[in-house]
Protein backbone atom coordinates (compact mmCIF):
# COMPACT_ATOMS: atom_id res chain seq x y z
CA MET A 1 102.99 78.56 103.06
CA PHE A 2 103.09 81.01 100.14
CA VAL A 3 100.19 80.40 97.74
CA ASP A 4 100.29 82.15 94.38
CA GLU A 5 97.61 80.25 92.49
CA ILE A 6 94.20 78.96 93.44
CA THR A 7 90.92 77.94 91.81
CA ILE A 8 87.62 79.02 93.35
CA GLU A 9 83.93 78.60 92.65
CA ALA A 10 81.76 81.70 92.83
CA LYS A 11 78.04 82.30 92.53
CA ALA A 12 76.24 85.63 92.41
CA GLY A 13 72.98 86.03 94.30
CA ARG A 14 69.63 84.92 92.97
CA GLY A 15 66.94 87.52 92.44
CA GLY A 16 63.96 87.41 94.80
CA ASP A 17 60.58 86.34 93.49
CA GLY A 18 57.86 88.74 92.54
CA VAL A 19 54.58 88.10 94.41
CA VAL A 20 50.85 88.19 93.83
CA ARG A 21 49.12 90.39 96.39
CA TRP A 22 45.86 92.31 96.46
CA ARG A 23 44.64 95.49 98.02
CA GLN A 24 42.41 94.93 101.03
CA GLU A 25 39.40 97.20 100.55
CA LYS A 26 36.10 97.27 102.37
CA PHE A 27 33.22 95.51 100.68
CA VAL A 28 35.50 94.28 97.90
CA ASP A 29 36.48 90.62 97.76
CA ARG A 30 39.67 91.42 95.96
CA GLY A 31 41.11 94.89 95.34
CA GLY A 32 43.65 95.88 92.74
CA PRO A 33 47.05 94.25 92.30
CA TRP A 34 49.48 95.13 95.07
CA GLY A 35 52.36 92.65 94.74
CA GLY A 36 55.93 94.01 94.66
CA ASN A 37 58.96 92.97 92.65
CA GLY A 38 61.72 90.81 94.08
CA GLY A 39 65.10 92.30 95.01
CA LYS A 40 68.12 91.86 92.77
CA GLY A 41 70.75 89.27 93.72
CA GLY A 42 74.16 90.50 94.88
CA ASP A 43 77.03 90.86 92.41
CA ILE A 44 80.53 89.46 92.99
CA TYR A 45 83.61 91.66 92.65
CA MET A 46 87.35 91.09 92.89
CA ARG A 47 89.29 93.81 94.72
CA ALA A 48 93.08 94.30 94.74
CA VAL A 49 94.80 94.79 98.10
CA ARG A 50 98.46 94.93 99.17
CA ASP A 51 98.86 91.48 100.70
CA VAL A 52 100.90 88.96 98.70
CA ALA A 53 100.03 86.18 101.18
CA LEU A 54 96.28 86.62 100.82
CA LEU A 55 95.54 83.66 98.55
CA GLY A 56 96.78 81.30 101.23
CA ARG A 57 93.76 82.20 103.34
CA TYR A 58 91.41 80.79 100.72
CA THR A 59 92.82 77.28 100.62
CA GLY A 60 90.13 76.07 103.02
CA GLU A 61 87.33 78.16 101.53
CA LYS A 62 87.03 77.85 97.79
CA ALA A 63 83.30 78.49 97.31
CA PHE A 64 81.93 82.03 97.46
CA SER A 65 78.35 83.21 97.17
CA ALA A 66 76.77 86.65 97.14
CA GLN A 67 73.52 87.22 99.00
CA ASN A 68 70.19 86.47 97.36
CA GLY A 69 67.54 89.15 96.90
CA THR A 70 64.39 88.80 98.96
CA ALA A 71 60.87 88.35 97.60
CA GLY A 72 58.55 91.26 97.05
CA SER A 73 55.70 91.86 99.47
CA THR A 74 52.30 93.46 99.74
CA GLN A 75 51.62 97.18 99.34
CA SER A 76 53.83 97.06 96.22
CA ARG A 77 56.94 96.85 98.35
CA HIS A 78 59.97 95.59 96.48
CA GLY A 79 62.24 92.96 97.94
CA VAL A 80 65.62 93.91 99.38
CA HIS A 81 68.62 93.65 97.05
CA GLY A 82 71.19 91.07 98.10
CA ASP A 83 74.51 92.38 99.38
CA ASP A 84 77.36 92.38 96.88
CA LEU A 85 80.38 90.21 97.73
CA TYR A 86 83.93 91.52 97.42
CA ILE A 87 86.72 88.95 97.21
CA ASP A 88 90.09 90.49 98.04
CA VAL A 89 93.09 89.33 96.01
CA PRO A 90 96.72 90.54 95.99
CA VAL A 91 97.77 93.39 93.71
CA GLY A 92 99.19 91.77 90.59
CA SER A 93 96.56 89.03 90.39
CA ARG A 94 95.37 87.68 87.08
CA ILE A 95 91.86 86.20 87.25
CA THR A 96 90.71 83.82 84.53
CA ASP A 97 87.04 82.95 84.11
CA THR A 98 87.58 79.37 82.96
CA GLU A 99 84.10 78.95 81.50
CA ARG A 100 83.76 82.23 79.60
CA GLY A 101 87.39 82.82 78.69
CA ARG A 102 87.48 86.27 80.28
CA VAL A 103 90.71 87.48 81.89
CA PHE A 104 90.96 90.29 84.46
CA ASN A 105 94.22 91.86 85.65
CA LEU A 106 94.26 93.80 88.92
CA LEU A 107 97.46 95.84 88.93
CA THR A 108 96.78 98.71 91.32
CA GLU A 109 95.70 98.83 94.95
CA GLY A 110 91.97 99.36 95.33
CA GLU A 111 91.17 98.35 91.75
CA VAL A 112 87.82 96.56 91.52
CA VAL A 113 86.25 94.46 88.77
CA ARG A 114 82.86 92.77 88.67
CA ILE A 115 83.21 89.13 87.74
CA LEU A 116 79.63 87.91 88.19
CA LYS A 117 76.27 89.65 87.98
CA GLY A 118 73.44 88.92 90.35
CA GLY A 119 70.08 87.76 89.01
CA ASN A 120 67.26 90.22 88.49
CA GLY A 121 64.30 90.10 90.80
CA GLY A 122 61.00 88.68 89.61
CA LEU A 123 58.04 90.94 88.82
CA GLY A 124 55.06 91.28 91.14
CA ASN A 125 51.51 91.28 89.84
CA GLU A 126 51.21 95.07 90.05
CA HIS A 127 53.78 95.28 87.25
CA PHE A 128 51.38 93.52 84.90
CA LYS A 129 48.45 95.85 85.48
CA SER A 130 47.23 97.55 82.31
CA SER A 131 44.15 99.13 80.81
CA ILE A 132 43.05 95.78 79.48
CA ASN A 133 44.12 93.71 82.49
CA ARG A 134 43.22 95.44 85.71
CA SER A 135 43.50 92.35 87.89
CA PRO A 136 46.59 90.42 86.76
CA ASP A 137 47.12 87.21 88.65
CA THR A 138 50.68 86.80 87.46
CA ALA A 139 54.12 87.11 89.07
CA THR A 140 57.52 85.89 87.92
CA LYS A 141 60.33 84.11 89.69
CA GLY A 142 63.67 85.76 90.34
CA LYS A 143 66.53 84.94 87.98
CA ALA A 144 69.54 82.92 89.02
CA GLY A 145 72.80 84.83 89.42
CA GLU A 146 75.78 84.11 87.24
CA ALA A 147 78.17 81.41 88.45
CA GLY A 148 81.62 80.32 87.41
CA THR A 149 85.00 78.83 88.16
CA PHE A 150 87.91 81.25 88.47
CA TYR A 151 91.62 80.56 88.35
CA ILE A 152 93.53 83.22 90.29
CA GLU A 153 97.28 83.53 89.87
CA LEU A 154 99.56 86.09 91.42
CA LEU A 155 102.24 87.68 89.26
CA LEU A 156 104.42 89.84 91.44
CA ALA A 157 104.57 93.43 90.21
CA VAL A 158 108.04 94.50 91.34
CA ASP A 159 110.82 96.76 90.11
CA VAL A 160 113.64 94.22 90.15
CA GLY A 161 113.59 90.44 89.91
CA ILE A 162 116.75 88.66 91.05
CA ILE A 163 117.18 85.53 88.94
CA GLY A 164 119.72 82.78 88.40
CA PHE A 165 120.43 79.14 89.10
CA PRO A 166 119.67 77.71 92.54
CA ASN A 167 122.41 78.58 95.03
CA ALA A 168 123.63 81.49 92.87
CA GLY A 169 123.58 83.86 95.84
CA LYS A 170 120.25 85.56 95.09
CA SER A 171 118.88 85.42 98.63
CA THR A 172 122.18 86.59 100.11
CA LEU A 173 122.23 89.53 97.70
CA LEU A 174 118.62 90.46 98.49
CA ASN A 175 119.34 90.36 102.21
CA ALA A 176 122.50 92.43 101.82
CA LEU A 177 120.80 95.10 99.72
CA THR A 178 117.48 95.37 101.55
CA HIS A 179 117.84 93.78 104.99
CA ALA A 180 115.15 91.28 103.98
CA ARG A 181 115.19 87.88 105.62
CA SER A 182 115.22 85.48 102.70
CA ARG A 183 116.38 82.02 103.79
CA VAL A 184 119.99 81.25 102.85
CA GLY A 185 121.58 77.82 102.56
CA ALA A 186 124.33 76.01 100.68
CA TYR A 187 122.00 73.75 98.71
CA PRO A 188 119.63 74.18 95.75
CA PHE A 189 116.05 75.39 96.19
CA THR A 190 116.62 76.93 99.60
CA THR A 191 114.10 79.54 98.51
CA THR A 192 110.80 77.98 97.49
CA GLU A 193 108.78 81.18 97.39
CA PRO A 194 109.54 84.74 96.30
CA HIS A 195 110.85 87.13 98.94
CA LEU A 196 110.58 90.90 98.74
CA GLY A 197 112.76 93.72 99.99
CA ASP A 198 112.88 97.52 99.78
CA PHE A 199 115.97 99.06 98.15
CA HIS A 200 115.82 102.86 98.42
CA GLY A 201 112.13 102.78 97.55
CA TYR A 202 112.47 100.15 94.82
CA ILE A 203 110.93 96.71 95.39
CA LEU A 204 113.28 93.78 94.80
CA ALA A 205 112.11 90.16 94.58
CA ASP A 206 114.26 87.07 95.02
CA ILE A 207 112.80 84.74 92.37
CA PRO A 208 113.30 81.07 93.34
CA GLY A 209 116.06 79.29 91.45
CA LEU A 210 115.55 78.33 87.83
CA ILE A 211 117.14 75.28 86.26
CA GLU A 212 117.57 73.95 82.74
CA GLY A 213 114.15 72.78 81.59
CA ALA A 214 112.26 75.15 83.89
CA SER A 215 110.22 76.49 80.96
CA HIS A 216 108.93 72.93 80.48
CA GLY A 217 108.07 72.45 84.13
CA LYS A 218 111.29 70.99 85.54
CA GLY A 219 112.28 72.01 89.05
CA LEU A 220 110.06 74.87 90.18
CA GLY A 221 109.14 75.34 86.54
CA HIS A 222 106.35 77.67 85.49
CA LYS A 223 105.40 78.28 89.11
CA PHE A 224 107.92 81.10 89.46
CA LEU A 225 108.88 81.89 85.88
CA ARG A 226 105.58 83.75 85.55
CA HIS A 227 106.60 86.11 88.37
CA ILE A 228 109.21 87.55 86.03
CA GLU A 229 106.52 88.66 83.53
CA ARG A 230 105.72 91.89 85.38
CA THR A 231 109.22 92.52 86.70
CA LYS A 232 110.67 95.67 85.15
CA VAL A 233 114.40 94.94 85.49
CA LEU A 234 116.28 91.65 85.93
CA VAL A 235 119.36 91.22 88.10
CA HIS A 236 120.99 88.04 86.85
CA CYS A 237 123.21 86.32 89.42
CA ILE A 238 125.89 83.90 88.24
CA SER A 239 127.94 82.06 90.83
CA LEU A 240 131.69 81.94 90.34
CA GLU A 241 131.46 78.41 91.73
CA GLU A 242 129.94 77.31 88.41
CA ALA A 243 132.21 75.06 86.36
CA ASP A 244 130.97 76.80 83.19
CA TYR A 245 129.64 80.23 84.09
CA VAL A 246 129.08 81.17 80.42
CA ARG A 247 126.83 78.17 79.96
CA ALA A 248 125.06 78.99 83.22
CA TYR A 249 124.28 82.47 81.90
CA GLN A 250 123.13 81.20 78.51
CA THR A 251 120.93 78.49 80.02
CA ILE A 252 118.92 80.94 82.11
CA ARG A 253 118.51 83.23 79.09
CA GLU A 254 117.29 80.29 77.01
CA GLU A 255 114.75 79.33 79.67
CA LEU A 256 113.42 82.89 79.80
CA SER A 257 113.06 82.95 76.02
CA ALA A 258 111.37 79.54 75.90
CA PHE A 259 108.82 80.61 78.50
CA ASP A 260 108.14 84.05 76.99
CA SER A 261 110.41 85.66 74.42
CA THR A 262 109.60 89.14 75.72
CA LEU A 263 111.40 88.35 78.99
CA THR A 264 114.76 88.54 77.23
CA THR A 265 114.02 92.13 76.16
CA LYS A 266 113.89 93.36 79.75
CA PRO A 267 116.83 95.42 81.02
CA GLU A 268 119.38 93.04 82.54
CA ILE A 269 121.98 93.75 85.19
CA ILE A 270 124.53 90.95 85.54
CA VAL A 271 126.44 90.24 88.72
CA LEU A 272 129.01 87.52 89.38
CA THR A 273 128.61 86.32 92.95
CA LYS A 274 130.70 84.43 95.51
CA LEU A 275 134.00 86.19 94.76
CA ASP A 276 135.26 84.70 98.02
CA THR A 277 135.24 81.20 96.45
CA THR A 278 137.77 81.93 93.70
CA THR A 279 140.69 84.15 92.72
CA ALA A 280 140.53 87.69 91.41
CA ALA A 281 142.09 86.53 88.13
CA VAL A 282 139.40 83.92 87.52
CA ALA A 283 136.69 86.45 88.39
CA GLU A 284 138.09 89.03 85.94
CA ARG A 285 138.29 86.44 83.18
CA ALA A 286 134.67 85.45 83.82
CA LYS A 287 133.64 89.11 83.83
CA LYS A 288 135.18 89.73 80.38
CA GLU A 289 133.65 86.60 78.89
CA ILE A 290 130.12 87.39 80.13
CA GLU A 291 130.43 91.02 79.04
CA GLY A 292 131.49 89.80 75.62
CA ILE A 293 128.43 87.62 75.03
CA SER A 294 125.87 89.82 76.80
CA GLY A 295 126.97 93.31 75.85
CA ASN A 296 126.28 94.40 79.45
CA THR A 297 128.54 95.67 82.22
CA VAL A 298 129.17 92.89 84.74
CA SER A 299 129.75 93.46 88.45
CA ILE A 300 131.68 91.15 90.78
CA ILE A 301 130.73 90.78 94.42
CA SER A 302 130.82 88.64 97.50
CA ALA A 303 127.53 89.49 99.16
CA GLN A 304 128.46 87.35 102.16
CA GLY A 305 131.90 88.87 102.62
CA GLY A 306 130.97 92.35 101.41
CA GLU A 307 133.58 92.66 98.66
CA GLY A 308 132.27 94.80 95.81
CA LEU A 309 128.88 95.21 97.45
CA PRO A 310 129.00 98.99 98.08
CA GLU A 311 130.04 99.58 94.49
CA PHE A 312 127.32 97.31 93.14
CA SER A 313 124.69 98.90 95.39
CA ALA A 314 125.62 102.36 94.06
CA PHE A 315 125.65 101.07 90.47
CA LEU A 316 122.24 99.41 90.89
CA SER A 317 120.70 102.51 92.43
CA LYS A 318 122.01 104.76 89.64
CA THR A 319 120.92 102.35 86.93
CA LEU A 320 117.39 102.01 88.31
CA GLN A 321 117.05 105.78 88.53
CA GLU A 322 117.95 106.01 84.86
CA ILE A 323 116.03 102.99 83.55
CA LEU A 324 112.74 102.83 85.44
CA PRO A 325 111.35 106.23 84.39
CA THR A 326 111.69 105.12 80.75
CA LEU A 327 109.64 101.98 81.43
CA GLU A 328 106.60 103.71 82.93
């Protein structure tokens, strides 16, 4: 099962205690102070890796703790620092510290951010030695590490997001262009998780079907609308099976705007799908109407039958080569 959001509890390590120890000297009941400081507790980091399925592994393990520091010891030896803990998350993750309001975005592979700091170690009695206190009998406890609750959500960072109503032919198009294996079926919500494919070095994502009201949580709602946030270019699929294809186009645009108005400013490539279900005359009329209200060139294809697909593939490749460098 694809998991793109999860809440975890995390706790950095506690610092080790400082100790009271004394030198062992002949003929002296108690020598000078010799107690070491405690070791620092381990920090907790988030690290971005290329594995979009990674969050699913954490569904049974939602509590993470870094190692505690150890106590100091005699001969002024300091305690050992606790090991830091690295929690791997997919590239494109947004991590929200729900208690402190901090937000971290990990957008590149290998990027690391510290989310919690380990506690400092306590001070041993040697630390308190001074000219006026040569035999301090004092040590301090280690400090607790920071703790918190973190909401992790994955926003796919891809070049092209394929959007449209359920059963608009998005999965079929992705498969035809990239040889991906997105599930295809003649009923809504066949795809319930994003699928990725490689198109001449560009990453395409089949975004699960949106419906009217998606921006308010209907259907798959916000769960997949957010994946469009970091998509550079949108390929908008409109099925020629729609009774009102103009309304279908406008509805998706309205849902994008309601969720985040900036989504409607992304470059949009429009494609009418399922040419094999209607006549060429109907398809041409639909093409002109959509071009009239969108101001964009509209392609017509049958991804399943192959009509128009080579032309659209060439058009998409050329357009991406022209558009993407301007978006960097």
